[in-house]
Amino acid sequence: MARILVGVDGSEHSKRALRWAIDEAQLRDVPVVMVHAYEPARVRSPYTYSYSAMPGSLTDNLREQEREWRQEQEEQVRQHAETAAARILESVVDTPKRGQIETIVVPRDPADVLVELSHNADLLVVGSRGHGGFKGLLLGSVSQKCLHHASCPVVILR
């Protein structure tokens, strides 16, 4: 399937990549797939007890409460990521064009997701670096991994 895949994280580099991918897709008359991958929720238990010192019935109840609490936390992180993706798209794309762009929001490592999805893309577009902590780097870890492992041509924008 002919399509252009673009990874976004909200950084200026990724917004430039999205703009470029949209322009290129119009020239090629192919769809754009915007991917926003995020770190899965790393939720710690709100309880500070040890299950081993408690009776079984109490432990079962607490484990169920903890499972529900974890699900709520994961849902909040997912909703935040979907809102962030919508805002990124809103900040770059005119309203009429937004419906033409498929958006994927997934709780996984961004580089792994982009490399995996590159198997079904004609082109992968990423920014040269995102929100990572090393501002002096010319190429971030996600763009570097995509460059070396993607199954399609990669365009990296600064």
N, C-alpha and C. Protein backbone atom coordinates (compact mmCIF):
# COMPACT_ATOMS: atom_id res chain seq x y z
N MET A 1 0.84 -1.19 0.00
CA MET A 1 0.00 0.00 0.00
C MET A 1 0.88 1.24 0.00
N ALA A 2 0.65 2.13 -0.92
CA ALA A 2 1.44 3.35 -1.01
C ALA A 2 0.98 4.33 0.06
N ARG A 3 1.91 4.74 0.90
CA ARG A 3 1.61 5.74 1.93
C ARG A 3 2.89 6.30 2.50
N ILE A 4 2.76 7.47 3.11
CA ILE A 4 3.89 8.12 3.77
C ILE A 4 3.63 8.09 5.26
N LEU A 5 4.59 7.57 5.98
CA LEU A 5 4.52 7.42 7.42
C LEU A 5 5.33 8.55 8.05
N VAL A 6 4.79 9.20 9.07
CA VAL A 6 5.53 10.28 9.73
C VAL A 6 5.39 10.13 11.25
N GLY A 7 6.53 10.18 11.93
CA GLY A 7 6.54 10.08 13.38
C GLY A 7 6.53 11.47 13.99
N VAL A 8 5.67 11.68 15.00
CA VAL A 8 5.58 12.98 15.66
C VAL A 8 5.64 12.82 17.17
N ASP A 9 6.24 13.80 17.82
CA ASP A 9 6.26 13.82 19.28
C ASP A 9 5.94 15.22 19.84
N GLY A 10 5.64 16.15 18.96
CA GLY A 10 5.31 17.50 19.39
C GLY A 10 6.47 18.48 19.31
N SER A 11 7.67 17.97 19.07
CA SER A 11 8.83 18.85 18.94
C SER A 11 8.72 19.62 17.62
N GLU A 12 9.44 20.72 17.52
CA GLU A 12 9.42 21.51 16.28
C GLU A 12 9.94 20.70 15.10
N HIS A 13 10.94 19.87 15.34
CA HIS A 13 11.47 19.03 14.26
C HIS A 13 10.39 18.08 13.74
N SER A 14 9.60 17.49 14.65
CA SER A 14 8.57 16.56 14.19
C SER A 14 7.43 17.29 13.49
N LYS A 15 7.14 18.52 13.91
CA LYS A 15 6.10 19.30 13.23
C LYS A 15 6.54 19.65 11.81
N ARG A 16 7.82 19.97 11.64
CA ARG A 16 8.35 20.22 10.29
C ARG A 16 8.26 18.95 9.45
N ALA A 17 8.55 17.82 10.08
CA ALA A 17 8.47 16.54 9.36
C ALA A 17 7.03 16.27 8.91
N LEU A 18 6.06 16.57 9.76
CA LEU A 18 4.66 16.37 9.41
C LEU A 18 4.26 17.28 8.24
N ARG A 19 4.65 18.54 8.30
CA ARG A 19 4.34 19.46 7.19
C ARG A 19 4.95 18.95 5.88
N TRP A 20 6.20 18.54 5.94
CA TRP A 20 6.88 18.06 4.75
C TRP A 20 6.21 16.79 4.21
N ALA A 21 5.84 15.88 5.11
CA ALA A 21 5.20 14.64 4.70
C ALA A 21 3.86 14.91 4.01
N ILE A 22 3.11 15.87 4.53
CA ILE A 22 1.82 16.22 3.92
C ILE A 22 2.03 16.79 2.52
N ASP A 23 3.00 17.68 2.39
CA ASP A 23 3.29 18.25 1.07
C ASP A 23 3.73 17.16 0.08
N GLU A 24 4.59 16.28 0.54
CA GLU A 24 5.08 15.20 -0.33
C GLU A 24 3.95 14.25 -0.70
N ALA A 25 3.08 13.96 0.24
CA ALA A 25 1.95 13.07 -0.04
C ALA A 25 1.02 13.67 -1.09
N GLN A 26 0.84 14.98 -1.06
CA GLN A 26 0.00 15.63 -2.07
C GLN A 26 0.64 15.51 -3.45
N LEU A 27 1.95 15.66 -3.51
CA LEU A 27 2.65 15.51 -4.79
C LEU A 27 2.53 14.09 -5.34
N ARG A 28 2.61 13.11 -4.45
CA ARG A 28 2.55 11.70 -4.86
C ARG A 28 1.13 11.15 -4.92
N ASP A 29 0.19 11.92 -4.38
CA ASP A 29 -1.21 11.49 -4.30
C ASP A 29 -1.34 10.19 -3.50
N VAL A 30 -0.73 10.18 -2.32
CA VAL A 30 -0.80 9.04 -1.39
C VAL A 30 -1.23 9.54 -0.01
N PRO A 31 -1.76 8.65 0.83
CA PRO A 31 -2.16 9.07 2.17
C PRO A 31 -0.98 9.23 3.12
N VAL A 32 -1.23 9.99 4.19
CA VAL A 32 -0.26 10.20 5.25
C VAL A 32 -0.75 9.47 6.49
N VAL A 33 0.17 8.78 7.15
CA VAL A 33 -0.14 8.14 8.42
C VAL A 33 0.76 8.79 9.47
N MET A 34 0.13 9.51 10.40
CA MET A 34 0.86 10.18 11.49
C MET A 34 0.89 9.22 12.69
N VAL A 35 2.11 8.96 13.20
CA VAL A 35 2.27 8.04 14.32
C VAL A 35 2.79 8.81 15.53
N HIS A 36 2.05 8.68 16.63
CA HIS A 36 2.48 9.26 17.91
C HIS A 36 2.59 8.10 18.89
N ALA A 37 3.81 7.65 19.13
CA ALA A 37 4.05 6.57 20.08
C ALA A 37 4.49 7.20 21.39
N TYR A 38 4.05 6.61 22.47
CA TYR A 38 4.38 7.17 23.78
C TYR A 38 4.81 6.08 24.74
N GLU A 39 5.50 6.52 25.75
CA GLU A 39 5.98 5.62 26.79
C GLU A 39 4.78 5.05 27.55
N PRO A 40 4.66 3.72 27.61
CA PRO A 40 3.55 3.15 28.37
C PRO A 40 3.61 3.60 29.84
N ALA A 41 2.47 3.64 30.46
CA ALA A 41 2.40 4.07 31.87
C ALA A 41 3.22 3.12 32.73
N ARG A 42 4.07 3.70 33.54
CA ARG A 42 4.82 2.92 34.52
C ARG A 42 4.22 3.24 35.87
N VAL A 43 3.26 2.45 36.22
CA VAL A 43 2.46 2.74 37.39
C VAL A 43 2.95 1.94 38.58
N ARG A 44 3.22 2.63 39.65
CA ARG A 44 3.59 1.96 40.89
C ARG A 44 2.35 1.79 41.75
N SER A 45 2.37 0.77 42.52
CA SER A 45 1.24 0.50 43.40
C SER A 45 1.06 1.63 44.41
N PRO A 46 -0.19 2.03 44.66
CA PRO A 46 -0.43 3.05 45.68
C PRO A 46 -0.30 2.47 47.09
N TYR A 47 -0.14 1.16 47.17
CA TYR A 47 -0.07 0.50 48.47
C TYR A 47 1.37 0.21 48.85
N THR A 48 1.67 0.34 50.11
CA THR A 48 3.05 0.14 50.57
C THR A 48 3.17 -1.10 51.43
N TYR A 49 2.28 -2.02 51.28
CA TYR A 49 2.26 -3.21 52.11
C TYR A 49 2.89 -4.39 51.37
N SER A 50 3.05 -5.45 52.12
CA SER A 50 3.53 -6.70 51.53
C SER A 50 2.37 -7.68 51.51
N TYR A 51 2.09 -8.23 50.35
CA TYR A 51 0.99 -9.19 50.24
C TYR A 51 1.26 -10.45 51.07
N SER A 52 2.52 -10.80 51.23
CA SER A 52 2.84 -12.07 51.88
C SER A 52 2.42 -12.12 53.35
N ALA A 53 2.26 -10.99 53.99
CA ALA A 53 1.93 -10.97 55.41
C ALA A 53 0.42 -10.85 55.65
N MET A 54 -0.39 -10.93 54.61
CA MET A 54 -1.84 -10.73 54.76
C MET A 54 -2.61 -12.00 54.48
N PRO A 55 -3.81 -12.08 55.06
CA PRO A 55 -4.67 -13.22 54.75
C PRO A 55 -5.11 -13.19 53.29
N GLY A 56 -5.37 -14.36 52.72
CA GLY A 56 -5.69 -14.48 51.30
C GLY A 56 -6.87 -13.65 50.85
N SER A 57 -7.95 -13.61 51.60
CA SER A 57 -9.14 -12.86 51.17
C SER A 57 -8.84 -11.36 51.08
N LEU A 58 -8.08 -10.85 52.02
CA LEU A 58 -7.72 -9.42 51.99
C LEU A 58 -6.79 -9.13 50.82
N THR A 59 -5.87 -10.04 50.57
CA THR A 59 -4.93 -9.84 49.46
C THR A 59 -5.65 -9.82 48.12
N ASP A 60 -6.62 -10.74 47.94
CA ASP A 60 -7.38 -10.77 46.70
C ASP A 60 -8.10 -9.44 46.47
N ASN A 61 -8.70 -8.90 47.51
CA ASN A 61 -9.42 -7.63 47.42
C ASN A 61 -8.46 -6.49 47.07
N LEU A 62 -7.32 -6.46 47.73
CA LEU A 62 -6.34 -5.40 47.45
C LEU A 62 -5.75 -5.52 46.05
N ARG A 63 -5.52 -6.73 45.61
CA ARG A 63 -4.99 -6.93 44.25
C ARG A 63 -5.99 -6.45 43.21
N GLU A 64 -7.28 -6.70 43.43
CA GLU A 64 -8.32 -6.24 42.51
C GLU A 64 -8.36 -4.70 42.50
N GLN A 65 -8.28 -4.08 43.68
CA GLN A 65 -8.26 -2.62 43.76
C GLN A 65 -7.04 -2.05 43.03
N GLU A 66 -5.91 -2.70 43.22
CA GLU A 66 -4.69 -2.25 42.56
C GLU A 66 -4.79 -2.40 41.05
N ARG A 67 -5.37 -3.51 40.56
CA ARG A 67 -5.55 -3.72 39.13
C ARG A 67 -6.42 -2.62 38.53
N GLU A 68 -7.52 -2.30 39.21
CA GLU A 68 -8.41 -1.23 38.74
C GLU A 68 -7.69 0.11 38.73
N TRP A 69 -6.90 0.38 39.77
CA TRP A 69 -6.16 1.64 39.85
C TRP A 69 -5.16 1.74 38.71
N ARG A 70 -4.46 0.64 38.43
CA ARG A 70 -3.49 0.62 37.32
C ARG A 70 -4.19 0.89 35.98
N GLN A 71 -5.34 0.27 35.78
CA GLN A 71 -6.08 0.49 34.54
C GLN A 71 -6.49 1.95 34.40
N GLU A 72 -6.91 2.57 35.48
CA GLU A 72 -7.28 3.99 35.44
C GLU A 72 -6.08 4.85 35.07
N GLN A 73 -4.93 4.54 35.65
CA GLN A 73 -3.72 5.31 35.35
C GLN A 73 -3.31 5.14 33.89
N GLU A 74 -3.37 3.91 33.39
CA GLU A 74 -3.02 3.66 31.99
C GLU A 74 -3.98 4.37 31.04
N GLU A 75 -5.26 4.40 31.39
CA GLU A 75 -6.26 5.10 30.57
C GLU A 75 -5.98 6.60 30.55
N GLN A 76 -5.59 7.16 31.67
CA GLN A 76 -5.27 8.59 31.72
C GLN A 76 -4.07 8.92 30.84
N VAL A 77 -3.06 8.08 30.86
CA VAL A 77 -1.88 8.29 30.02
C VAL A 77 -2.27 8.18 28.54
N ARG A 78 -3.10 7.18 28.19
CA ARG A 78 -3.55 7.01 26.81
C ARG A 78 -4.34 8.23 26.33
N GLN A 79 -5.25 8.71 27.17
CA GLN A 79 -6.04 9.89 26.80
C GLN A 79 -5.15 11.11 26.61
N HIS A 80 -4.16 11.26 27.48
CA HIS A 80 -3.23 12.38 27.35
C HIS A 80 -2.46 12.29 26.02
N ALA A 81 -2.03 11.09 25.65
CA ALA A 81 -1.30 10.90 24.40
C ALA A 81 -2.19 11.19 23.19
N GLU A 82 -3.45 10.76 23.23
CA GLU A 82 -4.36 11.03 22.13
C GLU A 82 -4.65 12.53 22.01
N THR A 83 -4.78 13.21 23.13
CA THR A 83 -4.98 14.67 23.12
C THR A 83 -3.75 15.35 22.54
N ALA A 84 -2.56 14.90 22.94
CA ALA A 84 -1.32 15.48 22.43
C ALA A 84 -1.23 15.29 20.92
N ALA A 85 -1.57 14.10 20.42
CA ALA A 85 -1.53 13.85 18.98
C ALA A 85 -2.51 14.76 18.24
N ALA A 86 -3.69 14.94 18.80
CA ALA A 86 -4.69 15.82 18.17
C ALA A 86 -4.19 17.26 18.13
N ARG A 87 -3.55 17.69 19.19
CA ARG A 87 -3.02 19.06 19.24
C ARG A 87 -1.88 19.26 18.24
N ILE A 88 -1.04 18.25 18.10
CA ILE A 88 0.06 18.33 17.12
C ILE A 88 -0.54 18.49 15.72
N LEU A 89 -1.50 17.65 15.40
CA LEU A 89 -2.15 17.71 14.09
C LEU A 89 -2.82 19.06 13.88
N GLU A 90 -3.51 19.54 14.90
CA GLU A 90 -4.19 20.84 14.85
C GLU A 90 -3.22 21.98 14.60
N SER A 91 -2.03 21.90 15.21
CA SER A 91 -1.07 22.99 15.09
C SER A 91 -0.39 23.05 13.72
N VAL A 92 -0.48 21.97 12.96
CA VAL A 92 0.22 21.89 11.68
C VAL A 92 -0.72 21.88 10.48
N VAL A 93 -1.87 21.25 10.62
CA VAL A 93 -2.73 20.97 9.47
C VAL A 93 -4.01 21.78 9.52
N ASP A 94 -4.40 22.32 8.35
CA ASP A 94 -5.67 23.02 8.23
C ASP A 94 -6.82 22.05 8.49
N THR A 95 -7.90 22.57 9.01
CA THR A 95 -9.06 21.75 9.37
C THR A 95 -9.53 20.82 8.26
N PRO A 96 -9.71 21.28 7.01
CA PRO A 96 -10.22 20.36 5.98
C PRO A 96 -9.30 19.16 5.71
N LYS A 97 -8.01 19.34 5.87
CA LYS A 97 -7.06 18.27 5.54
C LYS A 97 -6.91 17.24 6.67
N ARG A 98 -7.33 17.57 7.88
CA ARG A 98 -7.13 16.68 9.02
C ARG A 98 -7.78 15.32 8.83
N GLY A 99 -8.93 15.31 8.19
CA GLY A 99 -9.64 14.05 7.96
C GLY A 99 -8.93 13.13 6.99
N GLN A 100 -8.00 13.66 6.22
CA GLN A 100 -7.28 12.86 5.23
C GLN A 100 -6.04 12.20 5.82
N ILE A 101 -5.74 12.50 7.07
CA ILE A 101 -4.53 11.98 7.69
C ILE A 101 -4.92 10.94 8.74
N GLU A 102 -4.45 9.73 8.53
CA GLU A 102 -4.70 8.67 9.52
C GLU A 102 -3.76 8.91 10.70
N THR A 103 -4.29 8.77 11.90
CA THR A 103 -3.48 8.96 13.11
C THR A 103 -3.42 7.67 13.90
N ILE A 104 -2.22 7.28 14.27
CA ILE A 104 -2.02 6.10 15.10
C ILE A 104 -1.36 6.56 16.39
N VAL A 105 -1.98 6.23 17.51
CA VAL A 105 -1.43 6.54 18.84
C VAL A 105 -1.24 5.21 19.55
N VAL A 106 -0.01 4.92 19.94
CA VAL A 106 0.29 3.58 20.46
C VAL A 106 1.28 3.66 21.63
N PRO A 107 1.06 2.85 22.69
CA PRO A 107 1.96 2.86 23.85
C PRO A 107 3.15 1.92 23.68
N ARG A 108 4.09 2.33 22.86
CA ARG A 108 5.30 1.53 22.63
C ARG A 108 6.46 2.45 22.33
N ASP A 109 7.61 1.87 22.24
CA ASP A 109 8.80 2.62 21.89
C ASP A 109 8.63 3.21 20.49
N PRO A 110 8.80 4.54 20.33
CA PRO A 110 8.57 5.17 19.03
C PRO A 110 9.40 4.58 17.89
N ALA A 111 10.66 4.35 18.12
CA ALA A 111 11.51 3.82 17.05
C ALA A 111 11.05 2.43 16.63
N ASP A 112 10.72 1.58 17.58
CA ASP A 112 10.26 0.23 17.25
C ASP A 112 8.98 0.27 16.43
N VAL A 113 8.04 1.13 16.82
CA VAL A 113 6.77 1.25 16.09
C VAL A 113 7.01 1.72 14.66
N LEU A 114 7.82 2.77 14.50
CA LEU A 114 8.07 3.32 13.17
C LEU A 114 8.78 2.31 12.27
N VAL A 115 9.76 1.61 12.82
CA VAL A 115 10.47 0.59 12.04
C VAL A 115 9.50 -0.51 11.62
N GLU A 116 8.65 -0.95 12.54
CA GLU A 116 7.68 -2.00 12.22
C GLU A 116 6.70 -1.54 11.14
N LEU A 117 6.18 -0.34 11.28
CA LEU A 117 5.21 0.18 10.30
C LEU A 117 5.85 0.52 8.96
N SER A 118 7.16 0.70 8.94
CA SER A 118 7.84 1.05 7.70
C SER A 118 7.76 -0.08 6.66
N HIS A 119 7.44 -1.30 7.11
CA HIS A 119 7.30 -2.42 6.17
C HIS A 119 6.18 -2.18 5.17
N ASN A 120 5.19 -1.38 5.56
CA ASN A 120 4.04 -1.12 4.70
C ASN A 120 3.97 0.34 4.25
N ALA A 121 5.12 0.98 4.13
CA ALA A 121 5.15 2.39 3.73
C ALA A 121 6.11 2.58 2.57
N ASP A 122 5.87 3.63 1.80
CA ASP A 122 6.78 4.00 0.72
C ASP A 122 7.90 4.90 1.23
N LEU A 123 7.59 5.62 2.31
CA LEU A 123 8.53 6.60 2.82
C LEU A 123 8.25 6.81 4.31
N LEU A 124 9.31 6.96 5.09
CA LEU A 124 9.20 7.27 6.51
C LEU A 124 9.83 8.64 6.73
N VAL A 125 9.11 9.54 7.39
CA VAL A 125 9.59 10.89 7.64
C VAL A 125 9.63 11.13 9.15
N VAL A 126 10.78 11.60 9.63
CA VAL A 126 10.93 11.92 11.05
C VAL A 126 11.72 13.21 11.20
N GLY A 127 11.60 13.82 12.35
CA GLY A 127 12.43 14.98 12.66
C GLY A 127 13.80 14.50 13.09
N SER A 128 14.79 15.37 12.99
CA SER A 128 16.15 14.95 13.32
C SER A 128 16.33 14.63 14.80
N ARG A 129 15.55 15.29 15.63
CA ARG A 129 15.60 14.99 17.06
C ARG A 129 14.33 15.48 17.71
N GLY A 130 13.96 14.83 18.78
CA GLY A 130 12.71 15.16 19.46
C GLY A 130 12.94 15.85 20.78
N HIS A 131 12.21 15.40 21.77
CA HIS A 131 12.26 16.02 23.09
C HIS A 131 13.31 15.40 24.00
N GLY A 132 14.20 14.60 23.45
CA GLY A 132 15.21 13.92 24.28
C GLY A 132 16.09 14.92 25.02
N GLY A 133 16.82 14.41 25.99
CA GLY A 133 17.58 15.26 26.88
C GLY A 133 18.88 15.84 26.34
N PHE A 134 19.38 15.36 25.21
CA PHE A 134 20.67 15.82 24.72
C PHE A 134 20.48 16.80 23.57
N LYS A 135 20.36 18.07 23.90
CA LYS A 135 20.05 19.09 22.90
C LYS A 135 21.16 19.29 21.87
N GLY A 136 22.37 18.91 22.19
CA GLY A 136 23.47 19.11 21.27
C GLY A 136 23.55 18.08 20.16
N LEU A 137 22.80 17.01 20.29
CA LEU A 137 22.86 15.96 19.27
C LEU A 137 22.26 16.44 17.95
N LEU A 138 22.90 16.08 16.86
CA LEU A 138 22.36 16.40 15.55
C LEU A 138 21.28 15.40 15.15
N LEU A 139 21.39 14.19 15.64
CA LEU A 139 20.44 13.14 15.30
C LEU A 139 20.04 12.42 16.59
N GLY A 140 18.74 12.38 16.85
CA GLY A 140 18.25 11.72 18.06
C GLY A 140 18.21 10.21 17.90
N SER A 141 17.92 9.53 19.00
CA SER A 141 17.95 8.06 18.99
C SER A 141 16.86 7.47 18.10
N VAL A 142 15.68 8.06 18.06
CA VAL A 142 14.60 7.52 17.24
C VAL A 142 14.94 7.67 15.76
N SER A 143 15.36 8.85 15.35
CA SER A 143 15.70 9.04 13.94
C SER A 143 16.90 8.18 13.53
N GLN A 144 17.84 8.01 14.44
CA GLN A 144 19.00 7.17 14.15
C GLN A 144 18.58 5.71 13.94
N LYS A 145 17.72 5.21 14.83
CA LYS A 145 17.28 3.82 14.68
C LYS A 145 16.45 3.64 13.41
N CYS A 146 15.59 4.61 13.11
CA CYS A 146 14.79 4.53 11.89
C CYS A 146 15.68 4.52 10.66
N LEU A 147 16.68 5.37 10.66
CA LEU A 147 17.59 5.46 9.53
C LEU A 147 18.27 4.13 9.24
N HIS A 148 18.65 3.42 10.30
CA HIS A 148 19.40 2.17 10.12
C HIS A 148 18.53 0.93 9.97
N HIS A 149 17.27 0.99 10.42
CA HIS A 149 16.47 -0.24 10.45
C HIS A 149 15.16 -0.21 9.66
N ALA A 150 14.76 0.94 9.16
CA ALA A 150 13.49 1.02 8.43
C ALA A 150 13.56 0.22 7.14
N SER A 151 12.41 -0.26 6.71
CA SER A 151 12.32 -1.07 5.48
C SER A 151 12.00 -0.24 4.24
N CYS A 152 11.96 1.07 4.40
CA CYS A 152 11.67 1.96 3.27
C CYS A 152 12.63 3.15 3.37
N PRO A 153 12.67 3.98 2.35
CA PRO A 153 13.51 5.18 2.43
C PRO A 153 13.08 6.07 3.60
N VAL A 154 14.05 6.76 4.19
CA VAL A 154 13.80 7.61 5.36
C VAL A 154 14.23 9.04 5.04
N VAL A 155 13.36 9.99 5.36
CA VAL A 155 13.69 11.41 5.25
C VAL A 155 13.76 11.96 6.66
N ILE A 156 14.87 12.63 6.98
CA ILE A 156 15.04 13.22 8.32
C ILE A 156 15.14 14.72 8.15
N LEU A 157 14.24 15.44 8.84
CA LEU A 157 14.21 16.90 8.71
C LEU A 157 14.71 17.59 9.97
N ARG A 158 15.41 18.69 9.76
CA ARG A 158 15.88 19.51 10.88
C ARG A 158 14.96 20.67 11.07
